[in-house]
Amino acid sequence: MTCFPTPARTDCRSASGSPRPATAGRPWGENIAAGQRSVAEVMQDWLQSAGHCANIMNPLHAELGAAAAVSGTDARIYWAQVFARPREP
């Protein structure tokens, strides 16, 4: 995400950037952001965005992965959430 001027789902090596739930055929959602200085700030921004808030509030998204990383090039904090429906038994 850090090699583009805005957060992107494609990585710098031209990989698809598709989260594993998508490649496994599971319903999923994703929120990405950059520049917010705290968890509270990024969550406020996501909750004020209709699409991001829909991902967070989706009752089918029972699994969550989250990450934050500081860029080594511009010191921005990059944020990501990946949501998924549990795998069917």
PDB file of N, CA and C in Angstrom:
ATOM      1  N   MET A   1       0.810  -1.195   0.000  1.00  0.00           N
ATOM      2  CA  MET A   1       0.000   0.000   0.000  1.00  0.00           C
ATOM      3  C   MET A   1       0.854   1.260   0.000  1.00  0.00           C
ATOM      4  N   THR A   2       2.051   1.192   0.549  1.00  0.00           N
ATOM      5  CA  THR A   2       2.842   2.414   0.714  1.00  0.00           C
ATOM      6  C   THR A   2       3.494   2.900  -0.571  1.00  0.00           C
ATOM      7  N   CYS A   3       3.485   2.110  -1.637  1.00  0.00           N
ATOM      8  CA  CYS A   3       4.159   2.553  -2.859  1.00  0.00           C
ATOM      9  C   CYS A   3       3.223   3.311  -3.794  1.00  0.00           C
ATOM     10  N   PHE A   4       2.010   3.594  -3.369  1.00  0.00           N
ATOM     11  CA  PHE A   4       1.056   4.361  -4.155  1.00  0.00           C
ATOM     12  C   PHE A   4       0.702   5.637  -3.400  1.00  0.00           C
ATOM     13  N   PRO A   5       0.293   6.703  -4.111  1.00  0.00           N
ATOM     14  CA  PRO A   5      -0.041   7.949  -3.420  1.00  0.00           C
ATOM     15  C   PRO A   5      -1.258   7.828  -2.501  1.00  0.00           C
ATOM     16  N   THR A   6      -2.156   6.898  -2.783  1.00  0.00           N
ATOM     17  CA  THR A   6      -3.296   6.622  -1.913  1.00  0.00           C
ATOM     18  C   THR A   6      -3.308   5.130  -1.627  1.00  0.00           C
ATOM     19  N   PRO A   7      -3.907   4.707  -0.529  1.00  0.00           N
ATOM     20  CA  PRO A   7      -3.931   3.271  -0.222  1.00  0.00           C
ATOM     21  C   PRO A   7      -4.533   2.483  -1.377  1.00  0.00           C
ATOM     22  N   ALA A   8      -3.890   1.375  -1.714  1.00  0.00           N
ATOM     23  CA  ALA A   8      -4.346   0.551  -2.836  1.00  0.00           C
ATOM     24  C   ALA A   8      -4.375  -0.900  -2.418  1.00  0.00           C
ATOM     25  N   ARG A   9      -5.231  -1.658  -3.090  1.00  0.00           N
ATOM     26  CA  ARG A   9      -5.356  -3.073  -2.775  1.00  0.00           C
ATOM     27  C   ARG A   9      -4.363  -3.928  -3.561  1.00  0.00           C
ATOM     28  N   THR A  10      -3.653  -3.335  -4.503  1.00  0.00           N
ATOM     29  CA  THR A  10      -2.645  -4.052  -5.271  1.00  0.00           C
ATOM     30  C   THR A  10      -1.288  -3.769  -4.657  1.00  0.00           C
ATOM     31  N   ASP A  11      -0.475  -4.806  -4.474  1.00  0.00           N
ATOM     32  CA  ASP A  11       0.826  -4.549  -3.856  1.00  0.00           C
ATOM     33  C   ASP A  11       1.848  -4.109  -4.902  1.00  0.00           C
ATOM     34  N   CYS A  12       3.008  -3.711  -4.446  1.00  0.00           N
ATOM     35  CA  CYS A  12       4.039  -3.151  -5.317  1.00  0.00           C
ATOM     36  C   CYS A  12       4.627  -4.171  -6.282  1.00  0.00           C
ATOM     37  N   ARG A  13       4.400  -5.446  -6.032  1.00  0.00           N
ATOM     38  CA  ARG A  13       4.923  -6.490  -6.910  1.00  0.00           C
ATOM     39  C   ARG A  13       3.884  -6.933  -7.931  1.00  0.00           C
ATOM     40  N   SER A  14       2.803  -6.168  -8.076  1.00  0.00           N
ATOM     41  CA  SER A  14       1.726  -6.429  -9.031  1.00  0.00           C
ATOM     42  C   SER A  14       0.893  -7.653  -8.697  1.00  0.00           C
ATOM     43  N   ALA A  15       0.883  -8.085  -7.448  1.00  0.00           N
ATOM     44  CA  ALA A  15      -0.015  -9.172  -7.051  1.00  0.00           C
ATOM     45  C   ALA A  15      -1.439  -8.630  -7.024  1.00  0.00           C
ATOM     46  N   SER A  16      -2.396  -9.507  -7.007  1.00  0.00           N
ATOM     47  CA  SER A  16      -3.789  -9.075  -7.088  1.00  0.00           C
ATOM     48  C   SER A  16      -4.229  -8.314  -5.853  1.00  0.00           C
ATOM     49  N   GLY A  17      -3.649  -8.625  -4.710  1.00  0.00           N
ATOM     50  CA  GLY A  17      -4.081  -7.986  -3.487  1.00  0.00           C
ATOM     51  C   GLY A  17      -5.368  -8.562  -2.928  1.00  0.00           C
ATOM     52  N   SER A  18      -5.925  -9.587  -3.555  1.00  0.00           N
ATOM     53  CA  SER A  18      -7.172 -10.185  -3.067  1.00  0.00           C
ATOM     54  C   SER A  18      -6.936 -10.913  -1.753  1.00  0.00           C
ATOM     55  N   PRO A  19      -7.732 -10.591  -0.743  1.00  0.00           N
ATOM     56  CA  PRO A  19      -7.595 -11.308   0.526  1.00  0.00           C
ATOM     57  C   PRO A  19      -7.914 -12.787   0.367  1.00  0.00           C
ATOM     58  N   ARG A  20      -7.385 -13.593   1.266  1.00  0.00           N
ATOM     59  CA  ARG A  20      -7.605 -15.035   1.199  1.00  0.00           C
ATOM     60  C   ARG A  20      -9.073 -15.437   1.210  1.00  0.00           C
ATOM     61  N   PRO A  21      -9.956 -14.753   1.955  1.00  0.00           N
ATOM     62  CA  PRO A  21     -11.363 -15.170   1.878  1.00  0.00           C
ATOM     63  C   PRO A  21     -11.909 -15.118   0.456  1.00  0.00           C
ATOM     64  N   ALA A  22     -11.470 -14.132  -0.334  1.00  0.00           N
ATOM     65  CA  ALA A  22     -11.952 -14.021  -1.714  1.00  0.00           C
ATOM     66  C   ALA A  22     -11.459 -15.180  -2.552  1.00  0.00           C
ATOM     67  N   THR A  23     -10.205 -15.542  -2.388  1.00  0.00           N
ATOM     68  CA  THR A  23      -9.660 -16.638  -3.184  1.00  0.00           C
ATOM     69  C   THR A  23     -10.233 -17.974  -2.749  1.00  0.00           C
ATOM     70  N   ALA A  24     -10.784 -18.048  -1.535  1.00  0.00           N
ATOM     71  CA  ALA A  24     -11.419 -19.277  -1.052  1.00  0.00           C
ATOM     72  C   ALA A  24     -12.915 -19.290  -1.347  1.00  0.00           C
ATOM     73  N   GLY A  25     -13.411 -18.254  -2.023  1.00  0.00           N
ATOM     74  CA  GLY A  25     -14.817 -18.202  -2.368  1.00  0.00           C
ATOM     75  C   GLY A  25     -15.734 -17.823  -1.219  1.00  0.00           C
ATOM     76  N   ARG A  26     -15.190 -17.218  -0.183  1.00  0.00           N
ATOM     77  CA  ARG A  26     -15.991 -16.811   0.975  1.00  0.00           C
ATOM     78  C   ARG A  26     -16.401 -15.349   0.834  1.00  0.00           C
ATOM     79  N   PRO A  27     -17.640 -14.999   1.235  1.00  0.00           N
ATOM     80  CA  PRO A  27     -18.024 -13.585   1.240  1.00  0.00           C
ATOM     81  C   PRO A  27     -17.102 -12.796   2.177  1.00  0.00           C
ATOM     82  N   TRP A  28     -16.696 -11.607   1.753  1.00  0.00           N
ATOM     83  CA  TRP A  28     -15.739 -10.843   2.541  1.00  0.00           C
ATOM     84  C   TRP A  28     -15.926  -9.353   2.309  1.00  0.00           C
ATOM     85  N   GLY A  29     -15.300  -8.555   3.144  1.00  0.00           N
ATOM     86  CA  GLY A  29     -15.249  -7.113   3.004  1.00  0.00           C
ATOM     87  C   GLY A  29     -13.894  -6.628   3.485  1.00  0.00           C
ATOM     88  N   GLU A  30     -13.533  -5.412   3.079  1.00  0.00           N
ATOM     89  CA  GLU A  30     -12.220  -4.878   3.446  1.00  0.00           C
ATOM     90  C   GLU A  30     -12.323  -3.377   3.633  1.00  0.00           C
ATOM     91  N   ASN A  31     -11.659  -2.863   4.642  1.00  0.00           N
ATOM     92  CA  ASN A  31     -11.494  -1.426   4.841  1.00  0.00           C
ATOM     93  C   ASN A  31     -10.002  -1.132   4.883  1.00  0.00           C
ATOM     94  N   ILE A  32      -9.570  -0.125   4.124  1.00  0.00           N
ATOM     95  CA  ILE A  32      -8.181   0.323   4.195  1.00  0.00           C
ATOM     96  C   ILE A  32      -8.178   1.841   4.358  1.00  0.00           C
ATOM     97  N   ALA A  33      -7.131   2.348   4.973  1.00  0.00           N
ATOM     98  CA  ALA A  33      -7.008   3.785   5.201  1.00  0.00           C
ATOM     99  C   ALA A  33      -5.537   4.115   5.419  1.00  0.00           C
ATOM    100  N   ALA A  34      -5.224   5.397   5.361  1.00  0.00           N
ATOM    101  CA  ALA A  34      -3.849   5.834   5.617  1.00  0.00           C
ATOM    102  C   ALA A  34      -3.864   7.243   6.179  1.00  0.00           C
ATOM    103  N   GLY A  35      -2.930   7.496   7.087  1.00  0.00           N
ATOM    104  CA  GLY A  35      -2.724   8.839   7.599  1.00  0.00           C
ATOM    105  C   GLY A  35      -3.320   9.134   8.962  1.00  0.00           C
ATOM    106  N   GLN A  36      -4.320   8.376   9.377  1.00  0.00           N
ATOM    107  CA  GLN A  36      -4.891   8.608  10.699  1.00  0.00           C
ATOM    108  C   GLN A  36      -3.843   8.256  11.753  1.00  0.00           C
ATOM    109  N   ARG A  37      -3.853   8.994  12.866  1.00  0.00           N
ATOM    110  CA  ARG A  37      -2.798   8.836  13.867  1.00  0.00           C
ATOM    111  C   ARG A  37      -3.164   7.905  15.016  1.00  0.00           C
ATOM    112  N   SER A  38      -4.415   7.427  15.066  1.00  0.00           N
ATOM    113  CA  SER A  38      -4.818   6.558  16.172  1.00  0.00           C
ATOM    114  C   SER A  38      -5.946   5.632  15.727  1.00  0.00           C
ATOM    115  N   VAL A  39      -6.153   4.574  16.511  1.00  0.00           N
ATOM    116  CA  VAL A  39      -7.269   3.662  16.248  1.00  0.00           C
ATOM    117  C   VAL A  39      -8.586   4.434  16.324  1.00  0.00           C
ATOM    118  N   ALA A  40      -8.724   5.295  17.314  1.00  0.00           N
ATOM    119  CA  ALA A  40      -9.961   6.069  17.459  1.00  0.00           C
ATOM    120  C   ALA A  40     -10.235   6.909  16.215  1.00  0.00           C
ATOM    121  N   GLU A  41      -9.197   7.523  15.661  1.00  0.00           N
ATOM    122  CA  GLU A  41      -9.366   8.380  14.485  1.00  0.00           C
ATOM    123  C   GLU A  41      -9.752   7.568  13.251  1.00  0.00           C
ATOM    124  N   VAL A  42      -9.076   6.449  13.011  1.00  0.00           N
ATOM    125  CA  VAL A  42      -9.407   5.659  11.822  1.00  0.00           C
ATOM    126  C   VAL A  42     -10.797   5.045  11.958  1.00  0.00           C
ATOM    127  N   MET A  43     -11.167   4.593  13.157  1.00  0.00           N
ATOM    128  CA  MET A  43     -12.509   4.033  13.349  1.00  0.00           C
ATOM    129  C   MET A  43     -13.582   5.101  13.138  1.00  0.00           C
ATOM    130  N   GLN A  44     -13.335   6.307  13.622  1.00  0.00           N
ATOM    131  CA  GLN A  44     -14.293   7.395  13.407  1.00  0.00           C
ATOM    132  C   GLN A  44     -14.471   7.647  11.910  1.00  0.00           C
ATOM    133  N   ASP A  45     -13.374   7.687  11.168  1.00  0.00           N
ATOM    134  CA  ASP A  45     -13.454   7.906   9.718  1.00  0.00           C
ATOM    135  C   ASP A  45     -14.221   6.781   9.033  1.00  0.00           C
ATOM    136  N   TRP A  46     -13.920   5.528   9.382  1.00  0.00           N
ATOM    137  CA  TRP A  46     -14.620   4.401   8.765  1.00  0.00           C
ATOM    138  C   TRP A  46     -16.107   4.419   9.097  1.00  0.00           C
ATOM    139  N   LEU A  47     -16.453   4.728  10.344  1.00  0.00           N
ATOM    140  CA  LEU A  47     -17.865   4.724  10.736  1.00  0.00           C
ATOM    141  C   LEU A  47     -18.648   5.867  10.096  1.00  0.00           C
ATOM    142  N   GLN A  48     -17.961   6.930   9.679  1.00  0.00           N
ATOM    143  CA  GLN A  48     -18.627   8.047   9.011  1.00  0.00           C
ATOM    144  C   GLN A  48     -18.730   7.850   7.502  1.00  0.00           C
ATOM    145  N   SER A  49     -18.169   6.772   6.984  1.00  0.00           N
ATOM    146  CA  SER A  49     -18.232   6.440   5.557  1.00  0.00           C
ATOM    147  C   SER A  49     -19.237   5.305   5.375  1.00  0.00           C
ATOM    148  N   ALA A  50     -20.236   5.507   4.537  1.00  0.00           N
ATOM    149  CA  ALA A  50     -21.309   4.511   4.378  1.00  0.00           C
ATOM    150  C   ALA A  50     -20.776   3.127   4.017  1.00  0.00           C
ATOM    151  N   GLY A  51     -19.868   3.048   3.049  1.00  0.00           N
ATOM    152  CA  GLY A  51     -19.349   1.749   2.620  1.00  0.00           C
ATOM    153  C   GLY A  51     -18.512   1.058   3.679  1.00  0.00           C
ATOM    154  N   HIS A  52     -17.637   1.827   4.329  1.00  0.00           N
ATOM    155  CA  HIS A  52     -16.798   1.249   5.379  1.00  0.00           C
ATOM    156  C   HIS A  52     -17.644   0.815   6.575  1.00  0.00           C
ATOM    157  N   CYS A  53     -18.600   1.664   6.945  1.00  0.00           N
ATOM    158  CA  CYS A  53     -19.478   1.333   8.070  1.00  0.00           C
ATOM    159  C   CYS A  53     -20.284   0.070   7.763  1.00  0.00           C
ATOM    160  N   ALA A  54     -20.739  -0.079   6.516  1.00  0.00           N
ATOM    161  CA  ALA A  54     -21.492  -1.280   6.131  1.00  0.00           C
ATOM    162  C   ALA A  54     -20.648  -2.535   6.318  1.00  0.00           C
ATOM    163  N   ASN A  55     -19.358  -2.467   5.987  1.00  0.00           N
ATOM    164  CA  ASN A  55     -18.476  -3.621   6.217  1.00  0.00           C
ATOM    165  C   ASN A  55     -18.385  -3.952   7.702  1.00  0.00           C
ATOM    166  N   ILE A  56     -18.207  -2.932   8.534  1.00  0.00           N
ATOM    167  CA  ILE A  56     -18.064  -3.144   9.975  1.00  0.00           C
ATOM    168  C   ILE A  56     -19.346  -3.711  10.579  1.00  0.00           C
ATOM    169  N   MET A  57     -20.490  -3.220  10.149  1.00  0.00           N
ATOM    170  CA  MET A  57     -21.771  -3.605  10.747  1.00  0.00           C
ATOM    171  C   MET A  57     -22.409  -4.845  10.115  1.00  0.00           C
ATOM    172  N   ASN A  58     -21.859  -5.370   9.042  1.00  0.00           N
ATOM    173  CA  ASN A  58     -22.453  -6.510   8.340  1.00  0.00           C
ATOM    174  C   ASN A  58     -22.528  -7.722   9.267  1.00  0.00           C
ATOM    175  N   PRO A  59     -23.731  -8.224   9.563  1.00  0.00           N
ATOM    176  CA  PRO A  59     -23.855  -9.360  10.486  1.00  0.00           C
ATOM    177  C   PRO A  59     -23.283 -10.661   9.929  1.00  0.00           C
ATOM    178  N   LEU A  60     -23.048 -10.733   8.625  1.00  0.00           N
ATOM    179  CA  LEU A  60     -22.444 -11.935   8.037  1.00  0.00           C
ATOM    180  C   LEU A  60     -20.939 -11.984   8.258  1.00  0.00           C
ATOM    181  N   HIS A  61     -20.340 -10.850   8.581  1.00  0.00           N
ATOM    182  CA  HIS A  61     -18.896 -10.788   8.808  1.00  0.00           C
ATOM    183  C   HIS A  61     -18.600 -11.163  10.254  1.00  0.00           C
ATOM    184  N   ALA A  62     -18.458 -12.446  10.516  1.00  0.00           N
ATOM    185  CA  ALA A  62     -18.224 -12.933  11.878  1.00  0.00           C
ATOM    186  C   ALA A  62     -16.744 -13.126  12.187  1.00  0.00           C
ATOM    187  N   GLU A  63     -15.885 -12.987  11.185  1.00  0.00           N
ATOM    188  CA  GLU A  63     -14.437 -13.114  11.388  1.00  0.00           C
ATOM    189  C   GLU A  63     -13.772 -11.814  10.959  1.00  0.00           C
ATOM    190  N   LEU A  64     -12.703 -11.429  11.677  1.00  0.00           N
ATOM    191  CA  LEU A  64     -12.037 -10.157  11.426  1.00  0.00           C
ATOM    192  C   LEU A  64     -10.536 -10.307  11.566  1.00  0.00           C
ATOM    193  N   GLY A  65      -9.808  -9.714  10.648  1.00  0.00           N
ATOM    194  CA  GLY A  65      -8.370  -9.539  10.774  1.00  0.00           C
ATOM    195  C   GLY A  65      -8.093  -8.050  10.664  1.00  0.00           C
ATOM    196  N   ALA A  66      -7.173  -7.529  11.459  1.00  0.00           N
ATOM    197  CA  ALA A  66      -6.870  -6.101  11.432  1.00  0.00           C
ATOM    198  C   ALA A  66      -5.368  -5.900  11.550  1.00  0.00           C
ATOM    199  N   ALA A  67      -4.881  -4.821  10.938  1.00  0.00           N
ATOM    200  CA  ALA A  67      -3.448  -4.533  10.988  1.00  0.00           C
ATOM    201  C   ALA A  67      -3.210  -3.038  10.854  1.00  0.00           C
ATOM    202  N   ALA A  68      -2.082  -2.609  11.387  1.00  0.00           N
ATOM    203  CA  ALA A  68      -1.593  -1.248  11.207  1.00  0.00           C
ATOM    204  C   ALA A  68      -0.090  -1.344  11.002  1.00  0.00           C
ATOM    205  N   ALA A  69       0.437  -0.506  10.114  1.00  0.00           N
ATOM    206  CA  ALA A  69       1.876  -0.501   9.850  1.00  0.00           C
ATOM    207  C   ALA A  69       2.318   0.917   9.538  1.00  0.00           C
ATOM    208  N   VAL A  70       3.514   1.257   9.981  1.00  0.00           N
ATOM    209  CA  VAL A  70       4.093   2.563   9.694  1.00  0.00           C
ATOM    210  C   VAL A  70       5.004   2.425   8.488  1.00  0.00           C
ATOM    211  N   SER A  71       4.798   3.284   7.513  1.00  0.00           N
ATOM    212  CA  SER A  71       5.617   3.267   6.305  1.00  0.00           C
ATOM    213  C   SER A  71       7.044   3.686   6.625  1.00  0.00           C
ATOM    214  N   GLY A  72       7.989   2.997   6.027  1.00  0.00           N
ATOM    215  CA  GLY A  72       9.387   3.365   6.190  1.00  0.00           C
ATOM    216  C   GLY A  72       9.791   4.528   5.309  1.00  0.00           C
ATOM    217  N   THR A  73       8.924   4.900   4.350  1.00  0.00           N
ATOM    218  CA  THR A  73       9.274   5.978   3.428  1.00  0.00           C
ATOM    219  C   THR A  73       8.651   7.313   3.794  1.00  0.00           C
ATOM    220  N   ASP A  74       7.432   7.300   4.327  1.00  0.00           N
ATOM    221  CA  ASP A  74       6.794   8.584   4.618  1.00  0.00           C
ATOM    222  C   ASP A  74       6.230   8.675   6.038  1.00  0.00           C
ATOM    223  N   ALA A  75       6.459   7.664   6.865  1.00  0.00           N
ATOM    224  CA  ALA A  75       6.035   7.619   8.270  1.00  0.00           C
ATOM    225  C   ALA A  75       4.524   7.691   8.462  1.00  0.00           C
ATOM    226  N   ARG A  76       3.760   7.501   7.374  1.00  0.00           N
ATOM    227  CA  ARG A  76       2.304   7.436   7.517  1.00  0.00           C
ATOM    228  C   ARG A  76       1.927   6.091   8.117  1.00  0.00           C
ATOM    229  N   ILE A  77       0.821   6.085   8.848  1.00  0.00           N
ATOM    230  CA  ILE A  77       0.289   4.824   9.363  1.00  0.00           C
ATOM    231  C   ILE A  77      -0.748   4.320   8.371  1.00  0.00           C
ATOM    232  N   TYR A  78      -0.608   3.072   7.973  1.00  0.00           N
ATOM    233  CA  TYR A  78      -1.547   2.411   7.069  1.00  0.00           C
ATOM    234  C   TYR A  78      -2.363   1.411   7.878  1.00  0.00           C
ATOM    235  N   TRP A  79      -3.669   1.389   7.630  1.00  0.00           N
ATOM    236  CA  TRP A  79      -4.619   0.591   8.402  1.00  0.00           C
ATOM    237  C   TRP A  79      -5.375  -0.344   7.476  1.00  0.00           C
ATOM    238  N   ALA A  80      -5.693  -1.533   7.967  1.00  0.00           N
ATOM    239  CA  ALA A  80      -6.494  -2.472   7.174  1.00  0.00           C
ATOM    240  C   ALA A  80      -7.358  -3.328   8.088  1.00  0.00           C
ATOM    241  N   GLN A  81      -8.550  -3.603   7.608  1.00  0.00           N
ATOM    242  CA  GLN A  81      -9.449  -4.573   8.237  1.00  0.00           C
ATOM    243  C   GLN A  81      -9.929  -5.501   7.125  1.00  0.00           C
ATOM    244  N   VAL A  82      -9.980  -6.791   7.390  1.00  0.00           N
ATOM    245  CA  VAL A  82     -10.566  -7.761   6.458  1.00  0.00           C
ATOM    246  C   VAL A  82     -11.622  -8.534   7.234  1.00  0.00           C
ATOM    247  N   PHE A  83     -12.808  -8.590   6.673  1.00  0.00           N
ATOM    248  CA  PHE A  83     -13.941  -9.270   7.297  1.00  0.00           C
ATOM    249  C   PHE A  83     -14.318 -10.468   6.439  1.00  0.00           C
ATOM    250  N   ALA A  84     -14.825 -11.525   7.073  1.00  0.00           N
ATOM    251  CA  ALA A  84     -15.260 -12.695   6.304  1.00  0.00           C
ATOM    252  C   ALA A  84     -16.387 -13.420   7.017  1.00  0.00           C
ATOM    253  N   ARG A  85     -17.152 -14.126   6.212  1.00  0.00           N
ATOM    254  CA  ARG A  85     -18.144 -15.051   6.752  1.00  0.00           C
ATOM    255  C   ARG A  85     -17.406 -16.337   7.085  1.00  0.00           C
ATOM    256  N   PRO A  86     -17.759 -16.987   8.193  1.00  0.00           N
ATOM    257  CA  PRO A  86     -17.092 -18.253   8.529  1.00  0.00           C
ATOM    258  C   PRO A  86     -17.274 -19.287   7.425  1.00  0.00           C
ATOM    259  N   ARG A  87     -16.283 -20.135   7.298  1.00  0.00           N
ATOM    260  CA  ARG A  87     -16.344 -21.225   6.321  1.00  0.00           C
ATOM    261  C   ARG A  87     -17.472 -22.175   6.707  1.00  0.00           C
ATOM    262  N   GLU A  88     -18.229 -22.606   5.716  1.00  0.00           N
ATOM    263  CA  GLU A  88     -19.304 -23.577   5.955  1.00  0.00           C
ATOM    264  C   GLU A  88     -18.694 -24.924   6.316  1.00  0.00           C
ATOM    265  N   PRO A  89     -19.301 -25.653   7.286  1.00  0.00           N
ATOM    266  CA  PRO A  89     -18.740 -26.968   7.685  1.00  0.00           C
ATOM    267  C   PRO A  89     -18.852 -27.997   6.575  1.00  0.00           C
TER     268      PRO A  89
END
